[in-house]
Amino acid sequence: MTGAGTGIGRACAIALAEAGFEVGVHYNRSEEQANALVAELENAFAVQADLSDPDGPQAIYAALKERGGVEVLVNNAGRSIDAPLFSAKLEDFETLVDTNIRAAWLLIRRVMRLMIRRKQGRIINISSVVGSTGNAGQGVYGMTKAALDNLTKTAAMELAPHNILVNAVAPGFIDTAMTQELPEEVRADILARVPLGRLGRPEEVADMVRWLATGATYCTGTVFHVNGGMYGG
């Protein structure tokens, strides 16, 4: 579980632990939160890696290989650097591509080998509604999530013969530390676009991830939207 120290990642890690999995809690800078989560869960371990670095995914792969393999990979780690297209910086573009796309691609390439040996596996990529709808000020971020959706569909086709299911979960606006920091007028605009009239909870995203990890035996190559009705896919 990448990016598991806080927010949606933390909720997903708890849900998977409750489902009986040993959970690898990946973090980059959130060491304190990750270690606290590991202490809270009955069967978990922490892995540090900077996924914006090309060598970062290898550290996660090595930790999983040491433990005999992996049943479920959840690519949750990601970043958002918001800016209008005309003022977006090249370095920010490269950071988002490296973290949101390259890291997931490299992890899938490595972890699929372990899953092929087991003749089964699940890969769940955490995308975003913005990858489907676009959003002013999030051009680069939305582009990376759209690419992640496409990677999901392609990997599903290639890995289906090995009994490996690949899906994505695309949250809408979720009540996390990031959305709590938004100005009140921005939050009001967001809520006006959500038919259910509220932000989602991290646990509601985790419910979908748990289902894809434990059930969903005839689902692969699909982007599942969890957004309160603002976009249906």
Protein backbone atom coordinates (compact mmCIF):
# COMPACT_ATOMS: atom_id res chain seq x y z
CA MET A 1 0.00 0.00 0.00
CA THR A 2 1.89 3.07 -1.19
CA GLY A 3 1.28 6.44 0.43
CA ALA A 4 -0.34 4.74 3.40
CA GLY A 5 0.63 7.05 6.22
CA THR A 6 -2.23 9.53 5.95
CA GLY A 7 -5.63 10.26 4.39
CA ILE A 8 -7.08 7.82 1.88
CA GLY A 9 -4.03 5.58 2.08
CA ARG A 10 -4.35 5.20 5.83
CA ALA A 11 -8.03 4.33 5.56
CA CYS A 12 -7.29 1.74 2.87
CA ALA A 13 -4.51 0.18 4.94
CA ILE A 14 -6.88 -0.21 7.90
CA ALA A 15 -9.59 -1.72 5.67
CA LEU A 16 -7.17 -4.25 4.17
CA ALA A 17 -5.84 -5.18 7.61
CA GLU A 18 -9.42 -5.76 8.79
CA ALA A 19 -9.88 -8.01 5.77
CA GLY A 20 -7.02 -10.18 7.01
CA PHE A 21 -4.08 -8.99 4.92
CA GLU A 22 -0.59 -8.32 6.21
CA VAL A 23 -0.19 -4.69 5.16
CA GLY A 24 2.98 -3.05 3.94
CA VAL A 25 2.67 0.61 4.95
CA HIS A 26 4.74 2.67 2.53
CA TYR A 27 5.68 6.26 3.30
CA ASN A 28 8.14 8.87 2.12
CA ARG A 29 8.17 11.70 4.66
CA SER A 30 5.32 10.67 7.00
CA GLU A 31 7.46 8.37 9.14
CA GLU A 32 5.75 9.18 12.43
CA GLN A 33 2.26 8.60 11.03
CA ALA A 34 3.33 5.40 9.26
CA ASN A 35 4.93 3.91 12.36
CA ALA A 36 1.88 4.82 14.43
CA LEU A 37 -0.34 3.05 11.90
CA VAL A 38 1.86 -0.06 11.93
CA ALA A 39 1.62 -0.12 15.73
CA GLU A 40 -2.16 0.17 15.47
CA LEU A 41 -2.61 -2.66 12.98
CA GLU A 42 -2.38 -6.29 14.00
CA ASN A 43 -0.15 -7.39 11.11
CA ALA A 44 1.80 -4.68 9.31
CA PHE A 45 5.25 -3.38 8.48
CA ALA A 46 6.60 -0.03 7.27
CA VAL A 47 8.63 0.64 4.12
CA GLN A 48 10.27 3.98 3.32
CA ALA A 49 10.82 4.99 -0.29
CA ASP A 50 10.84 8.18 -2.32
CA LEU A 51 8.72 7.27 -5.32
CA SER A 52 9.75 10.38 -7.22
CA ASP A 53 13.17 8.68 -7.43
CA PRO A 54 13.47 5.92 -10.08
CA ASP A 55 15.06 3.66 -7.45
CA GLY A 56 12.19 4.09 -4.98
CA PRO A 57 9.93 1.31 -6.34
CA GLN A 58 12.83 -1.15 -6.10
CA ALA A 59 12.95 -0.68 -2.31
CA ILE A 60 9.28 -1.65 -2.06
CA TYR A 61 9.76 -4.61 -4.39
CA ALA A 62 12.71 -5.86 -2.32
CA ALA A 63 10.67 -5.68 0.90
CA LEU A 64 7.81 -7.64 -0.68
CA LYS A 65 10.10 -10.25 -2.22
CA GLU A 66 11.76 -10.77 1.16
CA ARG A 67 8.34 -11.62 2.60
CA GLY A 68 7.58 -14.16 -0.08
CA GLY A 69 5.49 -12.12 -2.49
CA VAL A 70 2.37 -10.01 -2.60
CA GLU A 71 -1.34 -10.63 -3.15
CA VAL A 72 -2.55 -7.04 -3.60
CA LEU A 73 -0.73 -3.91 -4.74
CA VAL A 74 -2.44 -0.58 -4.09
CA ASN A 75 -0.78 2.33 -5.90
CA ASN A 76 -2.05 5.22 -3.81
CA ALA A 77 1.00 7.50 -3.51
CA GLY A 78 0.63 10.67 -5.54
CA ARG A 79 1.00 14.42 -5.55
CA SER A 80 -0.96 17.41 -6.74
CA ILE A 81 0.69 20.72 -7.61
CA ASP A 82 -2.03 23.05 -8.81
CA ALA A 83 -1.45 25.81 -11.34
CA PRO A 84 -3.11 27.17 -14.49
CA LEU A 85 -1.59 25.78 -17.69
CA PHE A 86 0.05 29.08 -18.64
CA SER A 87 1.97 29.31 -15.36
CA ALA A 88 2.69 25.65 -14.59
CA LYS A 89 6.40 25.03 -14.08
CA LEU A 90 8.37 22.37 -15.93
CA GLU A 91 9.86 21.07 -12.68
CA ASP A 92 6.36 20.63 -11.22
CA PHE A 93 5.28 18.80 -14.38
CA GLU A 94 8.24 16.43 -14.03
CA THR A 95 7.54 15.85 -10.32
CA LEU A 96 3.92 14.90 -10.97
CA VAL A 97 4.78 12.62 -13.88
CA ASP A 98 7.52 10.91 -11.87
CA THR A 99 5.37 10.40 -8.77
CA ASN A 100 1.92 9.79 -10.23
CA ILE A 101 2.77 7.77 -13.35
CA ARG A 102 6.34 6.50 -13.47
CA ALA A 103 6.28 5.12 -9.91
CA ALA A 104 3.07 3.16 -10.56
CA TRP A 105 4.41 1.85 -13.86
CA LEU A 106 7.68 0.72 -12.30
CA LEU A 107 5.94 -0.89 -9.32
CA ILE A 108 3.54 -2.80 -11.57
CA ARG A 109 6.44 -3.99 -13.75
CA ARG A 110 8.27 -5.33 -10.69
CA VAL A 111 5.39 -6.65 -8.59
CA MET A 112 3.66 -8.44 -11.46
CA ARG A 113 6.58 -10.90 -11.50
CA LEU A 114 5.80 -11.93 -7.95
CA MET A 115 2.09 -12.24 -8.78
CA ILE A 116 2.74 -14.29 -11.94
CA ARG A 117 4.67 -16.79 -9.82
CA ARG A 118 1.63 -17.11 -7.55
CA LYS A 119 -0.66 -17.31 -10.61
CA GLN A 120 -2.94 -14.65 -9.15
CA GLY A 121 -3.00 -11.11 -7.84
CA ARG A 122 -4.82 -7.80 -7.62
CA ILE A 123 -3.51 -4.37 -8.61
CA ILE A 124 -5.55 -1.32 -7.58
CA ASN A 125 -4.53 2.13 -8.76
CA ILE A 126 -5.89 5.18 -6.96
CA SER A 127 -6.80 7.68 -9.66
CA SER A 128 -9.04 10.78 -9.45
CA VAL A 129 -12.27 12.08 -10.89
CA VAL A 130 -10.16 14.89 -12.35
CA GLY A 131 -8.55 12.37 -14.69
CA SER A 132 -11.96 11.97 -16.35
CA THR A 133 -13.52 15.43 -16.01
CA GLY A 134 -10.55 17.80 -16.04
CA ASN A 135 -10.44 20.69 -13.59
CA ALA A 136 -9.29 24.27 -13.99
CA GLY A 137 -5.90 24.72 -12.36
CA GLN A 138 -5.15 20.98 -12.34
CA GLY A 139 -4.16 20.37 -15.94
CA VAL A 140 -0.96 18.46 -15.23
CA TYR A 141 -2.40 16.54 -12.28
CA GLY A 142 -5.47 15.53 -14.29
CA MET A 143 -3.27 14.45 -17.19
CA THR A 144 -1.27 12.12 -14.93
CA LYS A 145 -4.44 10.56 -13.53
CA ALA A 146 -5.87 10.05 -17.02
CA ALA A 147 -2.61 8.29 -17.91
CA LEU A 148 -2.97 6.12 -14.80
CA ASP A 149 -6.47 5.12 -15.93
CA ASN A 150 -5.08 4.09 -19.31
CA LEU A 151 -2.23 2.15 -17.67
CA THR A 152 -4.86 0.34 -15.61
CA LYS A 153 -6.76 -0.78 -18.69
CA THR A 154 -3.65 -1.84 -20.59
CA ALA A 155 -2.19 -3.77 -17.65
CA ALA A 156 -5.54 -5.51 -17.16
CA MET A 157 -5.43 -6.81 -20.74
CA GLU A 158 -1.85 -8.01 -20.49
CA LEU A 159 -2.14 -9.62 -17.06
CA ALA A 160 -5.55 -11.29 -17.40
CA PRO A 161 -3.98 -14.55 -18.72
CA HIS A 162 -2.08 -14.75 -15.42
CA ASN A 163 -5.24 -14.34 -13.31
CA ILE A 164 -4.16 -10.87 -12.20
CA LEU A 165 -6.99 -8.33 -11.96
CA VAL A 166 -6.15 -4.65 -12.46
CA ASN A 167 -8.62 -1.88 -11.62
CA ALA A 168 -8.60 1.74 -10.56
CA VAL A 169 -10.56 3.70 -7.97
CA ALA A 170 -11.16 7.35 -8.82
CA PRO A 171 -12.20 9.37 -5.75
CA GLY A 172 -13.98 12.66 -6.07
CA PHE A 173 -13.47 15.31 -3.42
CA ILE A 174 -12.70 13.57 -0.16
CA ASP A 175 -12.55 15.09 3.33
CA THR A 176 -8.81 14.94 3.97
CA ALA A 177 -6.22 17.36 5.32
CA MET A 178 -5.76 18.75 1.81
CA THR A 179 -9.43 19.62 1.26
CA GLN A 180 -9.77 20.95 4.82
CA GLU A 181 -7.21 23.63 3.94
CA LEU A 182 -9.22 24.91 0.97
CA PRO A 183 -10.79 28.38 1.24
CA GLU A 184 -14.44 28.30 2.20
CA GLU A 185 -15.60 29.66 -1.16
CA VAL A 186 -13.71 26.87 -2.97
CA ARG A 187 -15.28 24.22 -0.74
CA ALA A 188 -18.70 25.72 -1.40
CA ASP A 189 -18.10 25.53 -5.16
CA ILE A 190 -17.07 21.90 -4.85
CA LEU A 191 -20.13 20.97 -2.82
CA ALA A 192 -22.37 22.64 -5.39
CA ARG A 193 -21.05 20.15 -7.95
CA VAL A 194 -21.70 17.06 -5.80
CA PRO A 195 -25.31 15.75 -5.96
CA LEU A 196 -24.99 14.17 -2.51
CA GLY A 197 -24.07 17.60 -1.16
CA ARG A 198 -21.07 16.58 0.93
CA LEU A 199 -17.43 15.57 0.67
CA GLY A 200 -16.64 11.87 0.73
CA ARG A 201 -14.92 10.14 3.62
CA PRO A 202 -11.62 8.28 3.21
CA GLU A 203 -13.36 5.17 4.56
CA GLU A 204 -15.81 5.27 1.64
CA VAL A 205 -12.93 5.04 -0.81
CA ALA A 206 -11.40 2.27 1.32
CA ASP A 207 -14.64 0.28 1.09
CA MET A 208 -14.23 0.11 -2.69
CA VAL A 209 -10.56 -0.82 -2.41
CA ARG A 210 -11.38 -3.62 0.03
CA TRP A 211 -14.04 -5.00 -2.34
CA LEU A 212 -11.60 -4.98 -5.26
CA ALA A 213 -8.99 -6.70 -3.09
CA THR A 214 -11.26 -9.42 -1.74
CA GLY A 215 -14.16 -9.84 -4.18
CA ALA A 216 -14.81 -8.42 -7.64
CA THR A 217 -13.72 -11.68 -9.26
CA TYR A 218 -15.08 -10.72 -12.70
CA CYS A 219 -13.90 -7.10 -12.72
CA THR A 220 -10.72 -5.97 -14.44
CA GLY A 221 -9.69 -2.97 -16.52
CA THR A 222 -12.33 -0.77 -14.90
CA VAL A 223 -12.16 2.66 -13.28
CA PHE A 224 -14.60 2.75 -10.34
CA HIS A 225 -15.78 6.25 -9.43
CA VAL A 226 -16.42 7.22 -5.81
CA ASN A 227 -17.54 10.83 -6.02
CA GLY A 228 -21.04 11.38 -4.64
CA GLY A 229 -22.59 11.50 -8.11
CA MET A 230 -20.55 14.32 -9.66
CA TYR A 231 -19.36 12.04 -12.48
CA GLY A 232 -20.64 8.64 -13.54
CA GLY A 233 -17.91 7.37 -15.84
